[in-house]
């Protein structure tokens, strides 16, 4: 398990707006936004359900991680997804503890735990 997922009764667009709001409440900004459905349609001509990838960043935590491990930027920002599958809407966040564990730097554990706690709160509040 590498993600923290919650099903919501909100529409896809409502879930997108709500996760952006709850991420902001937890100190995250959105650096990137990738509309996978639109990209797959444009590049491959295929239809896909609603699927959005948000690159979320908590600047103080990112700065601490970068001070600890210079190449940690390869694993940043934290990805959060909102997707629709068979008519149901889900919100999911990457678990930083899992992502940062591949670095094998114990000093990153504290940063990962704080980021994970905040991401889980954001998802839970959708």
N, C-alpha and C. Protein backbone atom coordinates (compact mmCIF):
# COMPACT_ATOMS: atom_id res chain seq x y z
N UNK A 1 0.84 -1.17 0.00
CA UNK A 1 0.00 0.00 0.00
C UNK A 1 0.90 1.25 0.00
N UNK A 2 0.75 2.06 -0.97
CA UNK A 2 1.57 3.27 -1.08
C UNK A 2 0.74 4.53 -1.16
N UNK A 3 -0.57 4.38 -1.06
CA UNK A 3 -1.47 5.53 -1.11
C UNK A 3 -2.50 5.47 -0.01
N UNK A 4 -3.04 6.62 0.30
CA UNK A 4 -4.11 6.77 1.29
C UNK A 4 -5.33 7.26 0.53
N UNK A 5 -6.37 6.42 0.45
CA UNK A 5 -7.50 6.67 -0.43
C UNK A 5 -8.81 6.76 0.34
N UNK A 6 -9.66 7.67 -0.13
CA UNK A 6 -11.00 7.80 0.44
C UNK A 6 -12.00 7.96 -0.69
N UNK A 7 -13.10 7.22 -0.60
CA UNK A 7 -14.21 7.39 -1.53
C UNK A 7 -15.05 8.55 -1.00
N UNK A 8 -15.57 9.35 -1.92
CA UNK A 8 -16.39 10.48 -1.51
C UNK A 8 -17.73 10.46 -2.25
N UNK A 9 -18.71 11.10 -1.66
CA UNK A 9 -20.01 11.22 -2.30
C UNK A 9 -20.11 12.49 -3.14
N UNK A 10 -19.03 13.28 -3.15
CA UNK A 10 -19.01 14.49 -3.96
C UNK A 10 -18.86 14.16 -5.43
N UNK A 11 -19.24 15.09 -6.28
CA UNK A 11 -18.98 14.93 -7.71
C UNK A 11 -17.47 15.06 -7.92
N UNK A 12 -16.99 14.70 -9.10
CA UNK A 12 -15.57 14.81 -9.39
C UNK A 12 -15.09 16.25 -9.20
N UNK A 13 -15.78 17.21 -9.79
CA UNK A 13 -15.37 18.61 -9.70
C UNK A 13 -15.43 19.13 -8.27
N UNK A 14 -16.46 18.73 -7.53
CA UNK A 14 -16.56 19.14 -6.13
C UNK A 14 -15.40 18.57 -5.32
N UNK A 15 -15.04 17.32 -5.60
CA UNK A 15 -13.92 16.68 -4.89
C UNK A 15 -12.61 17.39 -5.20
N UNK A 16 -12.42 17.80 -6.45
CA UNK A 16 -11.21 18.54 -6.84
C UNK A 16 -11.13 19.84 -6.05
N UNK A 17 -12.21 20.58 -6.01
CA UNK A 17 -12.21 21.85 -5.29
C UNK A 17 -12.00 21.64 -3.79
N UNK A 18 -12.63 20.61 -3.24
CA UNK A 18 -12.52 20.35 -1.81
C UNK A 18 -11.11 19.92 -1.42
N UNK A 19 -10.47 19.06 -2.20
CA UNK A 19 -9.11 18.63 -1.84
C UNK A 19 -8.13 19.80 -1.95
N UNK A 20 -8.33 20.66 -2.92
CA UNK A 20 -7.48 21.85 -3.02
C UNK A 20 -7.62 22.71 -1.76
N UNK A 21 -8.85 22.85 -1.30
CA UNK A 21 -9.13 23.63 -0.09
C UNK A 21 -8.49 22.98 1.14
N UNK A 22 -8.68 21.67 1.30
CA UNK A 22 -8.17 21.00 2.49
C UNK A 22 -6.63 20.90 2.46
N UNK A 23 -6.06 20.79 1.28
CA UNK A 23 -4.59 20.81 1.19
C UNK A 23 -4.06 22.17 1.64
N UNK A 24 -4.72 23.22 1.20
CA UNK A 24 -4.31 24.57 1.59
C UNK A 24 -4.38 24.74 3.10
N UNK A 25 -5.45 24.21 3.70
CA UNK A 25 -5.60 24.27 5.15
C UNK A 25 -4.45 23.57 5.88
N UNK A 26 -3.86 22.57 5.23
CA UNK A 26 -2.76 21.81 5.82
C UNK A 26 -1.39 22.36 5.42
N UNK A 27 -1.37 23.51 4.76
CA UNK A 27 -0.12 24.16 4.41
C UNK A 27 0.48 23.78 3.07
N UNK A 28 -0.32 23.13 2.23
CA UNK A 28 0.16 22.72 0.90
C UNK A 28 -0.32 23.68 -0.17
N UNK A 29 0.53 23.92 -1.13
CA UNK A 29 0.15 24.63 -2.33
C UNK A 29 0.17 23.65 -3.49
N UNK A 30 -0.51 23.97 -4.57
CA UNK A 30 -0.53 23.11 -5.75
C UNK A 30 0.47 23.66 -6.76
N UNK A 31 1.51 22.89 -7.05
CA UNK A 31 2.54 23.29 -8.00
C UNK A 31 2.20 22.86 -9.42
N UNK A 32 1.57 21.69 -9.54
CA UNK A 32 1.23 21.16 -10.85
C UNK A 32 -0.17 20.57 -10.83
N UNK A 33 -0.79 20.59 -11.99
CA UNK A 33 -2.11 20.00 -12.14
C UNK A 33 -2.15 19.33 -13.50
N UNK A 34 -2.33 18.01 -13.50
CA UNK A 34 -2.32 17.25 -14.75
C UNK A 34 -3.68 16.60 -14.96
N UNK A 35 -4.35 16.99 -16.02
CA UNK A 35 -5.64 16.41 -16.38
C UNK A 35 -5.34 15.19 -17.26
N UNK A 36 -5.32 14.02 -16.64
CA UNK A 36 -4.96 12.79 -17.34
C UNK A 36 -5.97 12.46 -18.43
N UNK A 37 -7.25 12.67 -18.15
CA UNK A 37 -8.29 12.39 -19.14
C UNK A 37 -8.05 13.20 -20.41
N UNK A 38 -7.83 14.50 -20.25
CA UNK A 38 -7.61 15.37 -21.42
C UNK A 38 -6.32 15.02 -22.14
N UNK A 39 -5.28 14.70 -21.39
CA UNK A 39 -3.99 14.36 -21.99
C UNK A 39 -4.08 13.08 -22.80
N UNK A 40 -4.74 12.06 -22.26
CA UNK A 40 -4.88 10.80 -22.99
C UNK A 40 -5.72 10.98 -24.25
N UNK A 41 -6.73 11.82 -24.17
CA UNK A 41 -7.57 12.10 -25.34
C UNK A 41 -6.76 12.80 -26.42
N UNK A 42 -5.99 13.80 -26.02
CA UNK A 42 -5.21 14.58 -26.97
C UNK A 42 -4.06 13.78 -27.57
N UNK A 43 -3.34 13.05 -26.75
CA UNK A 43 -2.13 12.36 -27.21
C UNK A 43 -2.40 10.99 -27.85
N UNK A 44 -3.43 10.30 -27.34
CA UNK A 44 -3.70 8.94 -27.83
C UNK A 44 -5.07 8.77 -28.48
N UNK A 45 -5.92 9.78 -28.34
CA UNK A 45 -7.26 9.67 -28.90
C UNK A 45 -8.14 8.68 -28.16
N UNK A 46 -7.82 8.40 -26.89
CA UNK A 46 -8.61 7.43 -26.12
C UNK A 46 -9.44 8.14 -25.07
N UNK A 47 -10.54 7.52 -24.72
CA UNK A 47 -11.40 8.04 -23.66
C UNK A 47 -11.01 7.40 -22.34
N UNK A 48 -11.00 8.19 -21.31
CA UNK A 48 -10.67 7.72 -19.97
C UNK A 48 -11.55 8.47 -18.99
N UNK A 49 -11.81 7.89 -17.85
CA UNK A 49 -12.63 8.56 -16.84
C UNK A 49 -11.89 9.76 -16.27
N UNK A 50 -12.61 10.62 -15.57
CA UNK A 50 -12.00 11.78 -14.95
C UNK A 50 -10.86 11.35 -14.04
N UNK A 51 -9.70 12.00 -14.21
CA UNK A 51 -8.51 11.64 -13.43
C UNK A 51 -7.59 12.85 -13.42
N UNK A 52 -7.34 13.39 -12.23
CA UNK A 52 -6.51 14.58 -12.08
C UNK A 52 -5.38 14.30 -11.10
N UNK A 53 -4.16 14.68 -11.47
CA UNK A 53 -3.01 14.55 -10.59
C UNK A 53 -2.62 15.95 -10.13
N UNK A 54 -2.55 16.14 -8.82
CA UNK A 54 -2.13 17.40 -8.24
C UNK A 54 -0.76 17.21 -7.59
N UNK A 55 0.17 18.07 -7.93
CA UNK A 55 1.49 18.06 -7.29
C UNK A 55 1.44 19.04 -6.13
N UNK A 56 1.34 18.53 -4.92
CA UNK A 56 1.18 19.37 -3.73
C UNK A 56 2.50 19.53 -3.00
N UNK A 57 2.74 20.75 -2.51
CA UNK A 57 3.99 21.03 -1.81
C UNK A 57 3.73 21.81 -0.53
N UNK A 58 4.32 21.36 0.55
CA UNK A 58 4.32 22.08 1.82
C UNK A 58 5.72 22.66 1.95
N UNK A 59 5.89 23.96 1.66
CA UNK A 59 7.23 24.54 1.58
C UNK A 59 8.15 24.29 2.78
N UNK A 60 7.68 24.45 4.03
CA UNK A 60 8.61 24.19 5.14
C UNK A 60 9.11 22.74 5.18
N UNK A 61 8.20 21.80 4.89
CA UNK A 61 8.60 20.39 4.91
C UNK A 61 9.50 20.07 3.72
N UNK A 62 9.20 20.63 2.56
CA UNK A 62 10.04 20.42 1.39
C UNK A 62 11.44 20.98 1.62
N UNK A 63 11.52 22.14 2.22
CA UNK A 63 12.82 22.76 2.50
C UNK A 63 13.64 21.91 3.46
N UNK A 64 12.99 21.40 4.49
CA UNK A 64 13.69 20.54 5.45
C UNK A 64 14.18 19.26 4.76
N UNK A 65 13.35 18.69 3.90
CA UNK A 65 13.75 17.48 3.18
C UNK A 65 14.94 17.77 2.25
N UNK A 66 14.90 18.90 1.57
CA UNK A 66 15.99 19.28 0.66
C UNK A 66 17.29 19.54 1.42
N UNK A 67 17.19 20.08 2.63
CA UNK A 67 18.39 20.29 3.44
C UNK A 67 18.98 18.97 3.90
N UNK A 68 18.12 17.98 4.10
CA UNK A 68 18.56 16.67 4.57
C UNK A 68 19.13 15.82 3.46
N UNK A 69 18.50 15.87 2.30
CA UNK A 69 18.87 15.01 1.16
C UNK A 69 18.72 15.84 -0.10
N UNK A 70 19.83 16.26 -0.67
CA UNK A 70 19.79 17.21 -1.79
C UNK A 70 19.01 16.69 -3.00
N UNK A 71 19.07 15.42 -3.28
CA UNK A 71 18.39 14.87 -4.46
C UNK A 71 16.96 14.43 -4.19
N UNK A 72 16.42 14.80 -3.03
CA UNK A 72 15.05 14.41 -2.69
C UNK A 72 14.04 15.02 -3.65
N UNK A 73 14.45 16.05 -4.36
CA UNK A 73 13.56 16.66 -5.35
C UNK A 73 13.06 15.67 -6.39
N UNK A 74 13.78 14.57 -6.56
CA UNK A 74 13.31 13.52 -7.48
C UNK A 74 11.99 12.91 -7.00
N UNK A 75 11.71 13.02 -5.71
CA UNK A 75 10.49 12.44 -5.15
C UNK A 75 9.47 13.50 -4.73
N UNK A 76 9.73 14.74 -5.07
CA UNK A 76 8.81 15.82 -4.75
C UNK A 76 8.14 16.33 -6.01
N UNK A 77 6.98 16.93 -5.98
CA UNK A 77 6.14 17.16 -4.81
C UNK A 77 5.34 15.91 -4.45
N UNK A 78 4.52 16.03 -3.42
CA UNK A 78 3.63 14.94 -3.02
C UNK A 78 2.47 14.90 -4.01
N UNK A 79 2.23 13.75 -4.59
CA UNK A 79 1.12 13.64 -5.53
C UNK A 79 -0.18 13.28 -4.82
N UNK A 80 -1.21 13.96 -5.23
CA UNK A 80 -2.57 13.71 -4.77
C UNK A 80 -3.41 13.52 -6.02
N UNK A 81 -4.26 12.51 -6.04
CA UNK A 81 -5.09 12.28 -7.21
C UNK A 81 -6.57 12.31 -6.84
N UNK A 82 -7.34 12.76 -7.81
CA UNK A 82 -8.80 12.68 -7.72
C UNK A 82 -9.21 11.96 -8.99
N UNK A 83 -9.97 10.89 -8.82
CA UNK A 83 -10.36 10.13 -10.00
C UNK A 83 -11.76 9.55 -9.85
N UNK A 84 -12.31 9.23 -11.01
CA UNK A 84 -13.64 8.64 -11.08
C UNK A 84 -13.48 7.24 -11.67
N UNK A 85 -14.08 6.28 -11.00
CA UNK A 85 -14.02 4.90 -11.48
C UNK A 85 -15.40 4.29 -11.33
N UNK A 86 -15.96 3.90 -12.46
CA UNK A 86 -17.28 3.27 -12.48
C UNK A 86 -18.31 4.13 -11.76
N UNK A 87 -18.22 5.44 -11.97
CA UNK A 87 -19.21 6.36 -11.41
C UNK A 87 -18.95 6.79 -9.97
N UNK A 88 -17.91 6.26 -9.35
CA UNK A 88 -17.58 6.65 -7.99
C UNK A 88 -16.34 7.53 -8.00
N UNK A 89 -16.27 8.47 -7.04
CA UNK A 89 -15.16 9.42 -6.99
C UNK A 89 -14.28 9.12 -5.78
N UNK A 90 -12.98 9.14 -6.03
CA UNK A 90 -11.99 8.84 -5.00
C UNK A 90 -10.95 9.95 -4.94
N UNK A 91 -10.41 10.14 -3.75
CA UNK A 91 -9.29 11.06 -3.52
C UNK A 91 -8.20 10.23 -2.86
N UNK A 92 -6.98 10.39 -3.35
CA UNK A 92 -5.88 9.57 -2.84
C UNK A 92 -4.60 10.38 -2.79
N UNK A 93 -3.79 10.14 -1.76
CA UNK A 93 -2.51 10.82 -1.61
C UNK A 93 -1.41 9.78 -1.46
N UNK A 94 -0.28 10.07 -2.07
CA UNK A 94 0.89 9.23 -1.89
C UNK A 94 1.32 9.29 -0.44
N UNK A 95 1.69 8.16 0.14
CA UNK A 95 2.18 8.14 1.52
C UNK A 95 3.68 8.48 1.51
N UNK A 96 4.04 9.66 2.02
CA UNK A 96 5.45 10.04 2.02
C UNK A 96 6.36 9.04 2.72
N UNK A 97 5.86 8.36 3.73
CA UNK A 97 6.70 7.37 4.42
C UNK A 97 7.14 6.26 3.46
N UNK A 98 6.27 5.91 2.54
CA UNK A 98 6.62 4.88 1.54
C UNK A 98 7.55 5.44 0.48
N UNK A 99 7.23 6.63 -0.02
CA UNK A 99 8.04 7.22 -1.08
C UNK A 99 9.45 7.53 -0.60
N UNK A 100 9.57 8.11 0.58
CA UNK A 100 10.88 8.51 1.07
C UNK A 100 11.69 7.34 1.64
N UNK A 101 11.04 6.21 1.87
CA UNK A 101 11.77 5.05 2.41
C UNK A 101 12.80 4.51 1.42
N UNK A 102 12.62 4.76 0.15
CA UNK A 102 13.60 4.26 -0.83
C UNK A 102 14.94 5.00 -0.73
N UNK A 103 14.93 6.16 -0.09
CA UNK A 103 16.15 6.94 0.05
C UNK A 103 17.06 6.36 1.14
N UNK A 104 16.48 5.67 2.10
CA UNK A 104 17.22 5.04 3.20
C UNK A 104 18.02 6.06 4.01
N UNK A 105 17.40 7.22 4.28
CA UNK A 105 18.00 8.24 5.13
C UNK A 105 17.06 8.43 6.32
N UNK A 106 17.45 7.92 7.50
CA UNK A 106 16.57 8.00 8.67
C UNK A 106 16.20 9.42 9.07
N UNK A 107 17.00 10.41 8.70
CA UNK A 107 16.70 11.80 9.03
C UNK A 107 15.44 12.30 8.32
N UNK A 108 15.04 11.61 7.26
CA UNK A 108 13.84 12.02 6.53
C UNK A 108 12.55 11.50 7.16
N UNK A 109 12.67 10.60 8.10
CA UNK A 109 11.48 9.99 8.72
C UNK A 109 10.56 11.02 9.34
N UNK A 110 11.13 11.98 10.06
CA UNK A 110 10.31 13.00 10.72
C UNK A 110 9.56 13.85 9.70
N UNK A 111 10.24 14.23 8.63
CA UNK A 111 9.60 15.01 7.57
C UNK A 111 8.48 14.20 6.94
N UNK A 112 8.76 12.94 6.65
CA UNK A 112 7.76 12.07 6.02
C UNK A 112 6.53 11.91 6.91
N UNK A 113 6.76 11.71 8.21
CA UNK A 113 5.64 11.53 9.13
C UNK A 113 4.76 12.78 9.20
N UNK A 114 5.39 13.96 9.26
CA UNK A 114 4.61 15.20 9.32
C UNK A 114 3.82 15.42 8.04
N UNK A 115 4.48 15.20 6.90
CA UNK A 115 3.80 15.37 5.61
C UNK A 115 2.64 14.39 5.48
N UNK A 116 2.88 13.16 5.89
CA UNK A 116 1.85 12.13 5.79
C UNK A 116 0.65 12.46 6.67
N UNK A 117 0.90 12.92 7.87
CA UNK A 117 -0.19 13.30 8.78
C UNK A 117 -1.05 14.40 8.14
N UNK A 118 -0.40 15.40 7.56
CA UNK A 118 -1.12 16.51 6.95
C UNK A 118 -1.88 16.06 5.69
N UNK A 119 -1.28 15.20 4.89
CA UNK A 119 -1.96 14.71 3.69
C UNK A 119 -3.18 13.87 4.05
N UNK A 120 -3.05 13.03 5.06
CA UNK A 120 -4.18 12.20 5.49
C UNK A 120 -5.32 13.08 5.99
N UNK A 121 -4.99 14.15 6.74
CA UNK A 121 -6.03 15.07 7.22
C UNK A 121 -6.74 15.72 6.04
N UNK A 122 -5.96 16.12 5.04
CA UNK A 122 -6.55 16.75 3.86
C UNK A 122 -7.51 15.80 3.16
N UNK A 123 -7.10 14.55 2.98
CA UNK A 123 -7.96 13.55 2.31
C UNK A 123 -9.18 13.26 3.17
N UNK A 124 -8.98 13.10 4.47
CA UNK A 124 -10.10 12.80 5.37
C UNK A 124 -11.15 13.91 5.39
N UNK A 125 -10.74 15.13 5.13
CA UNK A 125 -11.66 16.26 5.19
C UNK A 125 -12.35 16.56 3.88
N UNK A 126 -12.20 15.69 2.91
CA UNK A 126 -12.90 15.88 1.62
C UNK A 126 -14.32 15.36 1.79
